[in-house]
Protein backbone atom coordinates (compact mmCIF):
# COMPACT_ATOMS: atom_id res chain seq x y z
CA MET A 1 -3.94 -16.55 9.96
CA ALA A 2 -0.40 -15.71 10.68
CA LYS A 3 1.72 -14.73 7.61
CA ARG A 4 4.82 -16.86 7.09
CA LEU A 5 5.82 -15.26 3.71
CA VAL A 6 5.49 -11.83 2.65
CA ASP A 7 7.10 -9.33 0.07
CA LEU A 8 9.03 -6.40 1.03
CA ASN A 9 9.39 -3.59 -1.29
CA CYS A 10 11.01 0.09 -1.53
CA ASP A 11 10.89 2.85 -3.60
CA LEU A 12 14.19 3.33 -5.73
CA GLY A 13 16.02 5.53 -8.31
CA GLU A 14 14.33 8.50 -6.69
CA SER A 15 16.95 11.13 -7.76
CA PHE A 16 17.51 12.97 -10.60
CA GLY A 17 20.85 13.82 -12.32
CA HIS A 18 22.84 15.34 -9.08
CA TRP A 19 19.92 15.63 -7.04
CA THR A 20 19.36 13.24 -4.48
CA ILE A 21 16.40 12.45 -2.02
CA SER A 22 17.00 8.74 -1.04
CA GLU A 23 18.25 8.33 2.68
CA ALA A 24 20.57 5.49 1.64
CA PRO A 25 21.76 4.36 -1.68
CA ASP A 26 19.82 1.90 -3.77
CA ASP A 27 22.54 -0.56 -4.10
CA VAL A 28 22.76 -1.21 0.12
CA LEU A 29 18.42 -0.61 0.24
CA LEU A 30 18.55 -3.56 -2.71
CA ASP A 31 19.87 -6.21 -0.31
CA LEU A 32 17.23 -5.93 2.06
CA ILE A 33 14.10 -6.22 -0.24
CA SER A 34 12.60 -8.59 -2.64
CA SER A 35 10.75 -6.35 -5.20
CA ALA A 36 11.78 -2.70 -5.92
CA ASN A 37 9.73 0.11 -7.03
CA VAL A 38 11.85 2.11 -9.71
CA ALA A 39 11.00 5.69 -10.39
CA THR A 40 10.44 6.67 -14.02
CA GLY A 41 11.24 9.90 -14.72
CA PHE A 42 7.95 12.06 -13.87
CA HIS A 43 8.24 12.70 -9.95
CA ALA A 44 11.94 11.20 -9.78
CA GLY A 45 14.51 9.07 -11.82
CA ASP A 46 15.91 9.46 -15.19
CA PRO A 47 17.42 7.28 -18.25
CA ASN A 48 20.92 6.65 -16.50
CA LEU A 49 19.70 6.11 -13.21
CA MET A 50 16.93 3.92 -14.11
CA ASP A 51 19.00 1.84 -16.15
CA ARG A 52 21.67 1.49 -13.42
CA VAL A 53 18.93 0.24 -10.55
CA VAL A 54 17.56 -2.19 -13.02
CA ARG A 55 20.95 -3.88 -13.63
CA LEU A 56 21.56 -3.97 -9.80
CA ALA A 57 18.33 -5.42 -9.17
CA ALA A 58 18.93 -7.96 -11.66
CA GLU A 59 22.33 -8.97 -10.34
CA ARG A 60 20.57 -9.36 -6.92
CA GLY A 61 17.21 -11.14 -8.29
CA VAL A 62 15.08 -8.37 -6.80
CA ALA A 63 11.89 -8.24 -8.64
CA LEU A 64 11.02 -4.88 -10.60
CA GLY A 65 8.27 -2.65 -10.68
CA ALA A 66 7.59 0.32 -12.52
CA HIS A 67 6.87 3.50 -9.89
CA PRO A 68 5.25 5.90 -12.17
CA GLY A 69 4.23 9.20 -10.35
CA PHE A 70 2.38 12.47 -11.35
CA ARG A 71 4.91 14.93 -13.99
CA ASP A 72 6.01 16.91 -10.77
CA LEU A 73 9.79 16.74 -10.35
CA GLN A 74 9.75 20.04 -8.02
CA GLY A 75 7.46 18.49 -5.67
CA PHE A 76 8.50 15.06 -5.70
CA GLY A 77 5.40 13.69 -7.22
CA ARG A 78 3.35 14.40 -3.94
CA ARG A 79 0.97 17.33 -5.27
CA VAL A 80 -2.03 16.88 -6.81
CA ILE A 81 -1.74 17.29 -10.72
CA GLN A 82 -5.33 18.49 -12.06
CA ALA A 83 -6.01 16.25 -15.26
CA ARG A 84 -8.21 13.92 -17.11
CA PRO A 85 -8.38 10.60 -15.83
CA GLU A 86 -7.34 9.35 -19.84
CA GLU A 87 -4.42 12.10 -19.65
CA LEU A 88 -3.29 10.55 -16.31
CA VAL A 89 -3.28 6.79 -17.27
CA ASN A 90 -1.62 7.71 -20.71
CA ASP A 91 1.18 9.31 -18.41
CA ILE A 92 1.24 5.87 -16.28
CA ILE A 93 1.48 3.67 -19.42
CA TYR A 94 4.21 5.75 -20.60
CA GLN A 95 6.60 5.50 -18.08
CA LEU A 96 5.71 1.53 -17.43
CA GLY A 97 6.87 1.33 -20.72
CA ALA A 98 10.19 3.32 -20.01
CA LEU A 99 11.20 0.95 -17.10
CA ARG A 100 10.08 -2.58 -19.20
CA GLU A 101 12.53 -1.48 -21.91
CA PHE A 102 15.31 -1.16 -19.45
CA ALA A 103 13.95 -4.69 -17.78
CA ARG A 104 14.26 -6.26 -21.04
CA ARG A 105 17.61 -5.11 -21.81
CA HIS A 106 18.84 -6.72 -18.70
CA GLY A 107 16.98 -9.89 -19.45
CA VAL A 108 14.52 -9.44 -16.52
CA ARG A 109 10.70 -9.17 -16.88
CA LEU A 110 8.59 -6.38 -15.11
CA GLN A 111 6.49 -7.85 -12.18
CA HIS A 112 4.43 -4.88 -11.17
CA VAL A 113 3.53 -1.52 -11.28
CA LYS A 114 2.83 0.79 -8.35
CA PRO A 115 1.80 4.23 -8.46
CA HIS A 116 3.65 6.75 -6.47
CA GLY A 117 2.79 9.51 -3.76
CA ALA A 118 -0.39 11.62 -4.91
CA LEU A 119 -0.90 9.42 -7.87
CA TYR A 120 -1.25 6.48 -5.69
CA MET A 121 -3.81 8.19 -3.43
CA GLU A 122 -5.83 9.50 -6.46
CA VAL A 123 -5.94 6.24 -7.95
CA ALA A 124 -7.08 4.70 -4.70
CA ARG A 125 -10.12 6.96 -4.29
CA ASP A 126 -11.47 7.58 -8.02
CA GLU A 127 -13.34 4.52 -9.79
CA THR A 128 -13.02 6.19 -13.07
CA LEU A 129 -9.44 6.73 -13.10
CA SER A 130 -8.86 2.94 -11.61
CA GLN A 131 -11.09 1.54 -13.91
CA LEU A 132 -9.32 3.18 -17.17
CA LEU A 133 -6.09 2.28 -15.62
CA VAL A 134 -7.12 -1.60 -15.05
CA GLU A 135 -8.43 -1.58 -18.55
CA ALA A 136 -5.15 -0.08 -20.08
CA LEU A 137 -2.77 -2.81 -17.88
CA LEU A 138 -5.16 -5.64 -18.64
CA LYS A 139 -4.29 -4.45 -22.27
CA SER A 140 -0.72 -4.07 -22.26
CA SER A 141 0.26 -5.84 -19.04
CA PRO A 142 -2.18 -8.45 -18.09
CA GLU A 143 0.41 -10.58 -16.34
CA THR A 144 1.45 -7.55 -14.26
CA TYR A 145 0.63 -7.00 -10.46
CA LEU A 146 -1.01 -3.75 -9.78
CA TYR A 147 0.07 -3.03 -6.09
CA CYS A 148 -2.58 -1.22 -4.14
CA MET A 149 -4.13 -0.96 -0.75
CA ASP A 150 -6.82 -3.63 0.38
CA VAL A 151 -9.27 -1.05 1.11
CA SER A 152 -9.15 1.16 -2.28
CA VAL A 153 -11.32 1.53 -5.07
CA THR A 154 -8.21 0.52 -7.25
CA CYS A 155 -8.26 -3.25 -5.44
CA THR A 156 -12.16 -3.57 -6.10
CA VAL A 157 -11.95 -2.72 -9.44
CA ALA A 158 -8.59 -4.57 -10.36
CA ARG A 159 -9.99 -7.95 -9.00
CA ALA A 160 -13.42 -7.45 -10.53
CA ALA A 161 -11.61 -7.00 -13.90
CA GLY A 162 -9.30 -10.20 -13.20
CA LEU A 163 -5.98 -8.22 -13.00
CA PRO A 164 -3.62 -9.76 -10.19
CA VAL A 165 -3.02 -7.57 -7.32
CA ILE A 166 -0.83 -7.22 -4.62
CA ARG A 167 -1.97 -5.53 -1.51
CA GLU A 168 0.40 -3.35 0.33
CA PHE A 169 1.08 -2.61 4.27
CA TYR A 170 3.06 0.65 4.81
CA ALA A 171 5.36 0.03 7.55
CA ASP A 172 6.27 3.84 7.90
CA ARG A 173 2.94 5.30 7.49
CA ASP A 174 0.26 5.89 9.69
CA TYR A 175 -3.28 4.18 9.29
CA ASP A 176 -6.55 5.77 10.15
CA ASN A 177 -9.94 3.77 10.97
CA SER A 178 -11.00 3.45 7.43
CA GLY A 179 -7.86 1.05 6.91
CA SER A 180 -5.96 3.75 4.21
CA ILE A 181 -2.78 5.28 4.85
CA VAL A 182 -2.81 9.00 6.22
CA PHE A 183 -0.89 10.83 3.35
CA ALA A 184 1.98 12.67 4.06
CA ARG A 185 4.29 15.02 2.16
CA ARG A 186 7.06 15.14 4.78
CA MET A 187 7.88 12.27 6.80
CA ARG A 188 8.89 12.80 10.66
CA ALA A 189 11.69 10.17 12.00
CA LEU A 190 10.52 6.88 13.23
CA ASP A 191 12.23 4.24 15.89
CA PRO A 192 13.40 1.41 13.46
CA GLU A 193 12.59 -0.89 15.98
CA ASP A 194 8.87 0.32 16.82
CA VAL A 195 8.47 0.08 13.02
CA ALA A 196 9.68 -3.47 12.81
CA ARG A 197 7.10 -4.73 15.72
CA LYS A 198 4.30 -3.01 13.70
CA CYS A 199 5.34 -5.14 10.70
CA VAL A 200 5.67 -8.36 12.76
CA ARG A 201 2.16 -7.35 14.32
CA ALA A 202 0.52 -6.93 11.24
CA CYS A 203 1.90 -10.76 9.63
CA LEU A 204 1.12 -12.47 12.95
CA GLU A 205 -1.91 -10.81 14.40
CA GLY A 206 -3.41 -9.12 11.07
CA ARG A 207 -3.91 -5.99 12.88
CA VAL A 208 -2.59 -2.32 13.36
CA ARG A 209 -2.91 0.51 15.53
CA THR A 210 -4.69 3.90 14.07
CA VAL A 211 -3.96 7.42 14.49
CA GLU A 212 -7.29 7.41 16.25
CA GLY A 213 -6.09 4.76 18.66
CA ASP A 214 -7.70 1.78 17.50
CA ASP A 215 -6.74 -1.75 16.39
CA ILE A 216 -7.98 -2.71 12.73
CA GLU A 217 -7.94 -5.76 10.56
CA ILE A 218 -5.21 -5.17 7.55
CA GLU A 219 -5.00 -7.65 4.90
CA PHE A 220 -1.72 -7.46 2.36
CA GLU A 221 0.90 -9.38 0.62
CA SER A 222 3.35 -6.92 0.54
CA ILE A 223 5.54 -4.52 3.41
CA CYS A 224 6.25 -1.07 1.65
CA PHE A 225 8.86 0.97 3.51
CA HIS A 226 10.33 4.28 1.62
CA SER A 227 13.82 5.47 0.45
CA ASP A 228 13.24 9.00 1.75
CA THR A 229 11.91 8.40 4.92
CA PRO A 230 14.51 9.65 7.58
CA GLY A 231 16.48 6.48 8.50
CA ALA A 232 15.47 4.52 5.91
CA LEU A 233 18.25 2.02 5.83
CA LYS A 234 17.91 1.57 9.72
CA ILE A 235 14.16 1.03 9.11
CA GLY A 236 14.69 -1.40 6.49
CA THR A 237 17.16 -3.28 8.05
CA ALA A 238 15.12 -3.65 11.34
CA ILE A 239 12.02 -4.72 9.52
CA ARG A 240 13.96 -7.18 7.68
CA ALA A 241 15.57 -8.55 10.76
CA GLY A 242 12.25 -8.79 13.16
CA LEU A 243 10.63 -10.65 9.95
CA ILE A 244 13.21 -13.21 9.88
CA ASP A 245 13.38 -13.46 13.60
CA ALA A 246 9.73 -14.09 13.83
CA GLY A 247 9.72 -16.98 11.46
CA ILE A 248 8.35 -15.08 8.19
CA ARG A 249 10.34 -15.35 4.97
CA ILE A 250 10.75 -12.80 2.48
CA ALA A 251 10.14 -13.38 -1.13
CA ASN A 252 9.08 -11.48 -3.99
CA ALA A 253 5.13 -10.70 -4.87
CA ALA A 254 4.99 -13.42 -7.68
CA GLU A 255 6.24 -16.21 -4.96
CA VAL A 256 3.82 -14.93 -2.26
CA SER A 257 1.10 -14.84 -4.58
CA ALA A 258 1.49 -18.32 -5.94
CA ALA A 259 2.21 -19.56 -2.51
CA ALA A 260 -1.30 -17.96 -1.28
């Protein structure tokens, strides 16, 4: 069935002090999206930046999510850090709590949590890590959505436990025939209009072309693009325009989930 309502999310606050990696300013990207994944200090972000992004999101009515990563500022959270699952879950809860306090300061709630980069992929395939994370979230944040891929172990574990999930479609990442994204540490430049057409097709037909050259079915409630992808602003602008032109309304994850 064609989608007429979808969340559009982007990773924001991915700087540190004077160091910036995003391709466009956060305040500009916030005007394009319905949900923001805010870096929480381990792969990027710092307290001043977190406070600023939360304030800007609150002013625009953009829903907030914590975007915890591996403790890897130098590698931008795209390198796997070997640690016990319990330790990684504690790192996630620590980062989630930090962003929640800034959300409270600005009078908004935390809508979701979405692991970043290599940590996202590690949770997606590791059942023990997924189970421990879901158990922790059920205790600390049972109303908070967990963003994940439909084919991930995370999604299966969370649904079985009753934790609400939002499944993602990745606009600026390739897919393989398993239905998983192909993880990349560095992104090549993409044609914004091609990306927009890919998103509209996924919404209307529920299908995406893989790196193997096949079409596969894809299930999701949210579309993600990354602020560090070359040309991110043009990509986000094209996606938003393409969705609207196709009669697809953009709304935050809570609204999309309620309408499902």
